[in-house]
Amino acid sequence: MSDIWLTSLITDTPQEGFELAITLSRRGVKYTQPDAEVLHKLRPIYAKSADSLTAASHVIAVNFQTVAAANNYWK
């Protein structure tokens, strides 16, 4: 994936920041496993795993923390 899609972490609102954090998290998975067939094959497994869902939420939270800091916590 060589396309440039992330030009800034600055967002107008915390809601937009949270959505950016989700996008960052999803893009991270796509970079790690670029084979869409494998991703779709694994989805039913991790979608039913409390540990996997908790881990995904943690990754989103870390990305949101980064975006919030970049936005000076929208002060």
Foldseek 3Di string as FASTA:
>chain_A
DPDDDDPDLADQDLVVNLVVLLVVLVVVVCVVPVPVVVVVVCCVVLVPDPVSVVVSVVSSVVSSVVSCVRHVVND
